[in-house]
Amino acid sequence: MIKMSTATSIGTAFRRERKRQGLSQGHIAELSGLSKARLSRYENGHVLPTIDTLAKMCDPMNLRVSDLLKKAGW
């Protein structure tokens, strides 16, 4: 079995939760102050966000960083 990288697993978990809540990247970008391009890089696992950035990403979804990490398998 292939283990996903940390960046990929966190990005995938974030995207799933964002879509589950019916939110667009644009909406998250607007509320978090992050660009859509930056969010896309995180969601696609190209870059691992810092804890502070994860908090900014999770805040518009009323999601704790710890809950996102659990969803990502960490």
PDB file of N, CA and C in Angstrom:
ATOM      1  N   MET A   1       0.836  -1.178   0.000  1.00  0.00           N
ATOM      2  CA  MET A   1       0.000   0.000   0.000  1.00  0.00           C
ATOM      3  C   MET A   1       0.884   1.245   0.000  1.00  0.00           C
ATOM      4  N   ILE A   2       0.552   2.229  -0.839  1.00  0.00           N
ATOM      5  CA  ILE A   2       1.341   3.445  -0.944  1.00  0.00           C
ATOM      6  C   ILE A   2       0.838   4.463   0.066  1.00  0.00           C
ATOM      7  N   LYS A   3       1.744   4.994   0.865  1.00  0.00           N
ATOM      8  CA  LYS A   3       1.407   6.005   1.870  1.00  0.00           C
ATOM      9  C   LYS A   3       1.509   7.380   1.231  1.00  0.00           C
ATOM     10  N   MET A   4       0.459   8.184   1.375  1.00  0.00           N
ATOM     11  CA  MET A   4       0.480   9.544   0.857  1.00  0.00           C
ATOM     12  C   MET A   4       1.433  10.383   1.680  1.00  0.00           C
ATOM     13  N   SER A   5       2.006  11.387   1.047  1.00  0.00           N
ATOM     14  CA  SER A   5       2.849  12.317   1.786  1.00  0.00           C
ATOM     15  C   SER A   5       1.979  13.131   2.743  1.00  0.00           C
ATOM     16  N   THR A   6       2.611  13.735   3.705  1.00  0.00           N
ATOM     17  CA  THR A   6       1.892  14.571   4.666  1.00  0.00           C
ATOM     18  C   THR A   6       1.150  15.687   3.953  1.00  0.00           C
ATOM     19  N   ALA A   7       1.829  16.380   3.028  1.00  0.00           N
ATOM     20  CA  ALA A   7       1.196  17.491   2.306  1.00  0.00           C
ATOM     21  C   ALA A   7      -0.014  17.012   1.520  1.00  0.00           C
ATOM     22  N   THR A   8       0.111  15.867   0.867  1.00  0.00           N
ATOM     23  CA  THR A   8      -0.984  15.341   0.063  1.00  0.00           C
ATOM     24  C   THR A   8      -2.160  14.912   0.927  1.00  0.00           C
ATOM     25  N   SER A   9      -1.884  14.222   2.024  1.00  0.00           N
ATOM     26  CA  SER A   9      -2.988  13.751   2.872  1.00  0.00           C
ATOM     27  C   SER A   9      -3.727  14.913   3.529  1.00  0.00           C
ATOM     28  N   ILE A  10      -3.003  15.933   3.956  1.00  0.00           N
ATOM     29  CA  ILE A  10      -3.655  17.100   4.562  1.00  0.00           C
ATOM     30  C   ILE A  10      -4.451  17.854   3.501  1.00  0.00           C
ATOM     31  N   GLY A  11      -3.863  18.037   2.331  1.00  0.00           N
ATOM     32  CA  GLY A  11      -4.561  18.732   1.247  1.00  0.00           C
ATOM     33  C   GLY A  11      -5.828  18.020   0.819  1.00  0.00           C
ATOM     34  N   THR A  12      -5.745  16.703   0.713  1.00  0.00           N
ATOM     35  CA  THR A  12      -6.906  15.906   0.322  1.00  0.00           C
ATOM     36  C   THR A  12      -8.002  15.995   1.377  1.00  0.00           C
ATOM     37  N   ALA A  13      -7.624  15.898   2.642  1.00  0.00           N
ATOM     38  CA  ALA A  13      -8.612  15.996   3.727  1.00  0.00           C
ATOM     39  C   ALA A  13      -9.260  17.376   3.731  1.00  0.00           C
ATOM     40  N   PHE A  14      -8.464  18.412   3.508  1.00  0.00           N
ATOM     41  CA  PHE A  14      -9.007  19.771   3.478  1.00  0.00           C
ATOM     42  C   PHE A  14     -10.000  19.917   2.322  1.00  0.00           C
ATOM     43  N   ARG A  15      -9.628  19.463   1.126  1.00  0.00           N
ATOM     44  CA  ARG A  15     -10.514  19.566  -0.039  1.00  0.00           C
ATOM     45  C   ARG A  15     -11.826  18.815   0.194  1.00  0.00           C
ATOM     46  N   ARG A  16     -11.731  17.619   0.735  1.00  0.00           N
ATOM     47  CA  ARG A  16     -12.948  16.832   1.003  1.00  0.00           C
ATOM     48  C   ARG A  16     -13.888  17.564   1.964  1.00  0.00           C
ATOM     49  N   GLU A  17     -13.307  18.118   3.024  1.00  0.00           N
ATOM     50  CA  GLU A  17     -14.131  18.827   4.002  1.00  0.00           C
ATOM     51  C   GLU A  17     -14.721  20.100   3.401  1.00  0.00           C
ATOM     52  N   ARG A  18     -13.922  20.817   2.623  1.00  0.00           N
ATOM     53  CA  ARG A  18     -14.416  22.041   1.976  1.00  0.00           C
ATOM     54  C   ARG A  18     -15.592  21.713   1.064  1.00  0.00           C
ATOM     55  N   LYS A  19     -15.439  20.678   0.266  1.00  0.00           N
ATOM     56  CA  LYS A  19     -16.516  20.283  -0.657  1.00  0.00           C
ATOM     57  C   LYS A  19     -17.719  19.736   0.112  1.00  0.00           C
ATOM     58  N   ARG A  20     -17.468  18.994   1.189  1.00  0.00           N
ATOM     59  CA  ARG A  20     -18.568  18.462   1.995  1.00  0.00           C
ATOM     60  C   ARG A  20     -19.427  19.595   2.532  1.00  0.00           C
ATOM     61  N   GLN A  21     -18.796  20.698   2.879  1.00  0.00           N
ATOM     62  CA  GLN A  21     -19.524  21.852   3.385  1.00  0.00           C
ATOM     63  C   GLN A  21     -20.076  22.738   2.262  1.00  0.00           C
ATOM     64  N   GLY A  22     -19.802  22.374   1.025  1.00  0.00           N
ATOM     65  CA  GLY A  22     -20.330  23.129  -0.108  1.00  0.00           C
ATOM     66  C   GLY A  22     -19.658  24.485  -0.315  1.00  0.00           C
ATOM     67  N   LEU A  23     -18.402  24.587   0.074  1.00  0.00           N
ATOM     68  CA  LEU A  23     -17.681  25.848  -0.043  1.00  0.00           C
ATOM     69  C   LEU A  23     -16.698  25.816  -1.207  1.00  0.00           C
ATOM     70  N   SER A  24     -16.535  26.941  -1.857  1.00  0.00           N
ATOM     71  CA  SER A  24     -15.585  27.042  -2.963  1.00  0.00           C
ATOM     72  C   SER A  24     -14.231  27.504  -2.446  1.00  0.00           C
ATOM     73  N   GLN A  25     -13.200  27.292  -3.256  1.00  0.00           N
ATOM     74  CA  GLN A  25     -11.886  27.812  -2.898  1.00  0.00           C
ATOM     75  C   GLN A  25     -11.950  29.333  -2.790  1.00  0.00           C
ATOM     76  N   GLY A  26     -12.709  29.961  -3.665  1.00  0.00           N
ATOM     77  CA  GLY A  26     -12.842  31.408  -3.644  1.00  0.00           C
ATOM     78  C   GLY A  26     -13.418  31.912  -2.332  1.00  0.00           C
ATOM     79  N   HIS A  27     -14.406  31.210  -1.823  1.00  0.00           N
ATOM     80  CA  HIS A  27     -15.027  31.596  -0.554  1.00  0.00           C
ATOM     81  C   HIS A  27     -14.020  31.453   0.594  1.00  0.00           C
ATOM     82  N   ILE A  28     -13.313  30.329   0.626  1.00  0.00           N
ATOM     83  CA  ILE A  28     -12.305  30.122   1.665  1.00  0.00           C
ATOM     84  C   ILE A  28     -11.210  31.172   1.533  1.00  0.00           C
ATOM     85  N   ALA A  29     -10.788  31.462   0.302  1.00  0.00           N
ATOM     86  CA  ALA A  29      -9.741  32.464   0.077  1.00  0.00           C
ATOM     87  C   ALA A  29     -10.173  33.826   0.609  1.00  0.00           C
ATOM     88  N   GLU A  30     -11.387  34.203   0.300  1.00  0.00           N
ATOM     89  CA  GLU A  30     -11.903  35.498   0.737  1.00  0.00           C
ATOM     90  C   GLU A  30     -11.926  35.610   2.260  1.00  0.00           C
ATOM     91  N   LEU A  31     -12.394  34.577   2.921  1.00  0.00           N
ATOM     92  CA  LEU A  31     -12.523  34.611   4.381  1.00  0.00           C
ATOM     93  C   LEU A  31     -11.198  34.400   5.117  1.00  0.00           C
ATOM     94  N   SER A  32     -10.257  33.720   4.478  1.00  0.00           N
ATOM     95  CA  SER A  32      -8.992  33.411   5.153  1.00  0.00           C
ATOM     96  C   SER A  32      -7.884  34.412   4.846  1.00  0.00           C
ATOM     97  N   GLY A  33      -8.049  35.160   3.768  1.00  0.00           N
ATOM     98  CA  GLY A  33      -6.992  36.079   3.359  1.00  0.00           C
ATOM     99  C   GLY A  33      -5.906  35.413   2.537  1.00  0.00           C
ATOM    100  N   LEU A  34      -6.109  34.151   2.170  1.00  0.00           N
ATOM    101  CA  LEU A  34      -5.162  33.425   1.328  1.00  0.00           C
ATOM    102  C   LEU A  34      -5.654  33.473  -0.115  1.00  0.00           C
ATOM    103  N   SER A  35      -4.750  33.405  -1.063  1.00  0.00           N
ATOM    104  CA  SER A  35      -5.167  33.426  -2.464  1.00  0.00           C
ATOM    105  C   SER A  35      -5.703  32.059  -2.884  1.00  0.00           C
ATOM    106  N   LYS A  36      -6.544  32.055  -3.918  1.00  0.00           N
ATOM    107  CA  LYS A  36      -7.058  30.784  -4.448  1.00  0.00           C
ATOM    108  C   LYS A  36      -5.908  29.934  -4.974  1.00  0.00           C
ATOM    109  N   ALA A  37      -4.924  30.569  -5.588  1.00  0.00           N
ATOM    110  CA  ALA A  37      -3.778  29.823  -6.116  1.00  0.00           C
ATOM    111  C   ALA A  37      -3.019  29.123  -4.984  1.00  0.00           C
ATOM    112  N   ARG A  38      -2.855  29.817  -3.880  1.00  0.00           N
ATOM    113  CA  ARG A  38      -2.161  29.234  -2.734  1.00  0.00           C
ATOM    114  C   ARG A  38      -2.970  28.081  -2.149  1.00  0.00           C
ATOM    115  N   LEU A  39      -4.277  28.265  -2.010  1.00  0.00           N
ATOM    116  CA  LEU A  39      -5.132  27.177  -1.517  1.00  0.00           C
ATOM    117  C   LEU A  39      -5.045  25.953  -2.424  1.00  0.00           C
ATOM    118  N   SER A  40      -5.031  26.193  -3.716  1.00  0.00           N
ATOM    119  CA  SER A  40      -4.935  25.096  -4.673  1.00  0.00           C
ATOM    120  C   SER A  40      -3.631  24.323  -4.482  1.00  0.00           C
ATOM    121  N   ARG A  41      -2.542  25.025  -4.269  1.00  0.00           N
ATOM    122  CA  ARG A  41      -1.250  24.360  -4.046  1.00  0.00           C
ATOM    123  C   ARG A  41      -1.281  23.506  -2.776  1.00  0.00           C
ATOM    124  N   TYR A  42      -1.959  24.002  -1.750  1.00  0.00           N
ATOM    125  CA  TYR A  42      -2.090  23.214  -0.521  1.00  0.00           C
ATOM    126  C   TYR A  42      -2.982  21.997  -0.750  1.00  0.00           C
ATOM    127  N   GLU A  43      -4.122  22.209  -1.389  1.00  0.00           N
ATOM    128  CA  GLU A  43      -5.059  21.103  -1.619  1.00  0.00           C
ATOM    129  C   GLU A  43      -4.454  20.006  -2.481  1.00  0.00           C
ATOM    130  N   ASN A  44      -3.593  20.376  -3.409  1.00  0.00           N
ATOM    131  CA  ASN A  44      -2.992  19.400  -4.311  1.00  0.00           C
ATOM    132  C   ASN A  44      -1.707  18.794  -3.762  1.00  0.00           C
ATOM    133  N   GLY A  45      -1.340  19.179  -2.542  1.00  0.00           N
ATOM    134  CA  GLY A  45      -0.179  18.586  -1.896  1.00  0.00           C
ATOM    135  C   GLY A  45       1.158  19.066  -2.414  1.00  0.00           C
ATOM    136  N   HIS A  46       1.170  20.188  -3.136  1.00  0.00           N
ATOM    137  CA  HIS A  46       2.431  20.719  -3.651  1.00  0.00           C
ATOM    138  C   HIS A  46       3.236  21.413  -2.561  1.00  0.00           C
ATOM    139  N   VAL A  47       2.539  21.933  -1.557  1.00  0.00           N
ATOM    140  CA  VAL A  47       3.172  22.671  -0.456  1.00  0.00           C
ATOM    141  C   VAL A  47       2.496  22.258   0.844  1.00  0.00           C
ATOM    142  N   LEU A  48       3.287  22.096   1.881  1.00  0.00           N
ATOM    143  CA  LEU A  48       2.750  21.788   3.207  1.00  0.00           C
ATOM    144  C   LEU A  48       2.528  23.098   3.956  1.00  0.00           C
ATOM    145  N   PRO A  49       1.291  23.406   4.309  1.00  0.00           N
ATOM    146  CA  PRO A  49       1.035  24.653   5.031  1.00  0.00           C
ATOM    147  C   PRO A  49       1.554  24.591   6.465  1.00  0.00           C
ATOM    148  N   THR A  50       1.896  25.759   6.984  1.00  0.00           N
ATOM    149  CA  THR A  50       2.283  25.843   8.392  1.00  0.00           C
ATOM    150  C   THR A  50       1.034  25.671   9.257  1.00  0.00           C
ATOM    151  N   ILE A  51       1.226  25.487  10.526  1.00  0.00           N
ATOM    152  CA  ILE A  51       0.092  25.370  11.446  1.00  0.00           C
ATOM    153  C   ILE A  51      -0.741  26.653  11.418  1.00  0.00           C
ATOM    154  N   ASP A  52      -0.083  27.803  11.395  1.00  0.00           N
ATOM    155  CA  ASP A  52      -0.808  29.076  11.340  1.00  0.00           C
ATOM    156  C   ASP A  52      -1.657  29.174  10.072  1.00  0.00           C
ATOM    157  N   THR A  53      -1.101  28.729   8.950  1.00  0.00           N
ATOM    158  CA  THR A  53      -1.857  28.759   7.699  1.00  0.00           C
ATOM    159  C   THR A  53      -3.014  27.771   7.739  1.00  0.00           C
ATOM    160  N   LEU A  54      -2.775  26.593   8.299  1.00  0.00           N
ATOM    161  CA  LEU A  54      -3.866  25.623   8.451  1.00  0.00           C
ATOM    162  C   LEU A  54      -5.005  26.220   9.265  1.00  0.00           C
ATOM    163  N   ALA A  55      -4.664  26.949  10.305  1.00  0.00           N
ATOM    164  CA  ALA A  55      -5.697  27.583  11.126  1.00  0.00           C
ATOM    165  C   ALA A  55      -6.495  28.584  10.306  1.00  0.00           C
ATOM    166  N   LYS A  56      -5.821  29.363   9.461  1.00  0.00           N
ATOM    167  CA  LYS A  56      -6.519  30.317   8.589  1.00  0.00           C
ATOM    168  C   LYS A  56      -7.429  29.588   7.608  1.00  0.00           C
ATOM    169  N   MET A  57      -6.971  28.449   7.107  1.00  0.00           N
ATOM    170  CA  MET A  57      -7.756  27.674   6.145  1.00  0.00           C
ATOM    171  C   MET A  57      -8.978  27.040   6.808  1.00  0.00           C
ATOM    172  N   CYS A  58      -8.800  26.559   8.024  1.00  0.00           N
ATOM    173  CA  CYS A  58      -9.867  25.837   8.722  1.00  0.00           C
ATOM    174  C   CYS A  58     -10.915  26.760   9.332  1.00  0.00           C
ATOM    175  N   ASP A  59     -10.512  27.960   9.701  1.00  0.00           N
ATOM    176  CA  ASP A  59     -11.411  28.881  10.397  1.00  0.00           C
ATOM    177  C   ASP A  59     -12.735  29.122   9.657  1.00  0.00           C
ATOM    178  N   PRO A  60     -12.732  29.392   8.350  1.00  0.00           N
ATOM    179  CA  PRO A  60     -14.009  29.627   7.664  1.00  0.00           C
ATOM    180  C   PRO A  60     -14.952  28.419   7.670  1.00  0.00           C
ATOM    181  N   MET A  61     -14.398  27.233   7.934  1.00  0.00           N
ATOM    182  CA  MET A  61     -15.226  26.023   7.968  1.00  0.00           C
ATOM    183  C   MET A  61     -15.587  25.636   9.399  1.00  0.00           C
ATOM    184  N   ASN A  62     -15.204  26.475  10.378  1.00  0.00           N
ATOM    185  CA  ASN A  62     -15.415  26.142  11.787  1.00  0.00           C
ATOM    186  C   ASN A  62     -14.847  24.764  12.104  1.00  0.00           C
ATOM    187  N   LEU A  63     -13.653  24.520  11.606  1.00  0.00           N
ATOM    188  CA  LEU A  63     -12.973  23.238  11.761  1.00  0.00           C
ATOM    189  C   LEU A  63     -11.678  23.466  12.523  1.00  0.00           C
ATOM    190  N   ARG A  64     -11.448  22.666  13.555  1.00  0.00           N
ATOM    191  CA  ARG A  64     -10.189  22.766  14.291  1.00  0.00           C
ATOM    192  C   ARG A  64      -9.091  22.083  13.488  1.00  0.00           C
ATOM    193  N   VAL A  65      -7.879  22.631  13.588  1.00  0.00           N
ATOM    194  CA  VAL A  65      -6.735  22.032  12.900  1.00  0.00           C
ATOM    195  C   VAL A  65      -6.562  20.587  13.334  1.00  0.00           C
ATOM    196  N   SER A  66      -6.742  20.315  14.610  1.00  0.00           N
ATOM    197  CA  SER A  66      -6.581  18.939  15.105  1.00  0.00           C
ATOM    198  C   SER A  66      -7.582  17.991  14.440  1.00  0.00           C
ATOM    199  N   ASP A  67      -8.795  18.470  14.189  1.00  0.00           N
ATOM    200  CA  ASP A  67      -9.794  17.627  13.519  1.00  0.00           C
ATOM    201  C   ASP A  67      -9.419  17.387  12.060  1.00  0.00           C
ATOM    202  N   LEU A  68      -8.875  18.410  11.410  1.00  0.00           N
ATOM    203  CA  LEU A  68      -8.417  18.226  10.032  1.00  0.00           C
ATOM    204  C   LEU A  68      -7.283  17.200   9.983  1.00  0.00           C
ATOM    205  N   LEU A  69      -6.349  17.301  10.914  1.00  0.00           N
ATOM    206  CA  LEU A  69      -5.229  16.357  10.935  1.00  0.00           C
ATOM    207  C   LEU A  69      -5.722  14.939  11.179  1.00  0.00           C
ATOM    208  N   LYS A  70      -6.738  14.775  12.019  1.00  0.00           N
ATOM    209  CA  LYS A  70      -7.319  13.442  12.226  1.00  0.00           C
ATOM    210  C   LYS A  70      -7.941  12.918  10.945  1.00  0.00           C
ATOM    211  N   LYS A  71      -8.642  13.786  10.218  1.00  0.00           N
ATOM    212  CA  LYS A  71      -9.257  13.392   8.947  1.00  0.00           C
ATOM    213  C   LYS A  71      -8.184  12.988   7.939  1.00  0.00           C
ATOM    214  N   ALA A  72      -6.999  13.588   8.084  1.00  0.00           N
ATOM    215  CA  ALA A  72      -5.886  13.295   7.178  1.00  0.00           C
ATOM    216  C   ALA A  72      -5.116  12.052   7.609  1.00  0.00           C
ATOM    217  N   GLY A  73      -5.498  11.489   8.738  1.00  0.00           N
ATOM    218  CA  GLY A  73      -4.847  10.273   9.215  1.00  0.00           C
ATOM    219  C   GLY A  73      -3.624  10.536  10.068  1.00  0.00           C
ATOM    220  N   TRP A  74      -3.528  11.731  10.621  1.00  0.00           N
ATOM    221  CA  TRP A  74      -2.364  12.068  11.458  1.00  0.00           C
ATOM    222  C   TRP A  74      -2.782  12.219  12.868  1.00  0.00           C
TER     223      TRP A  74
END
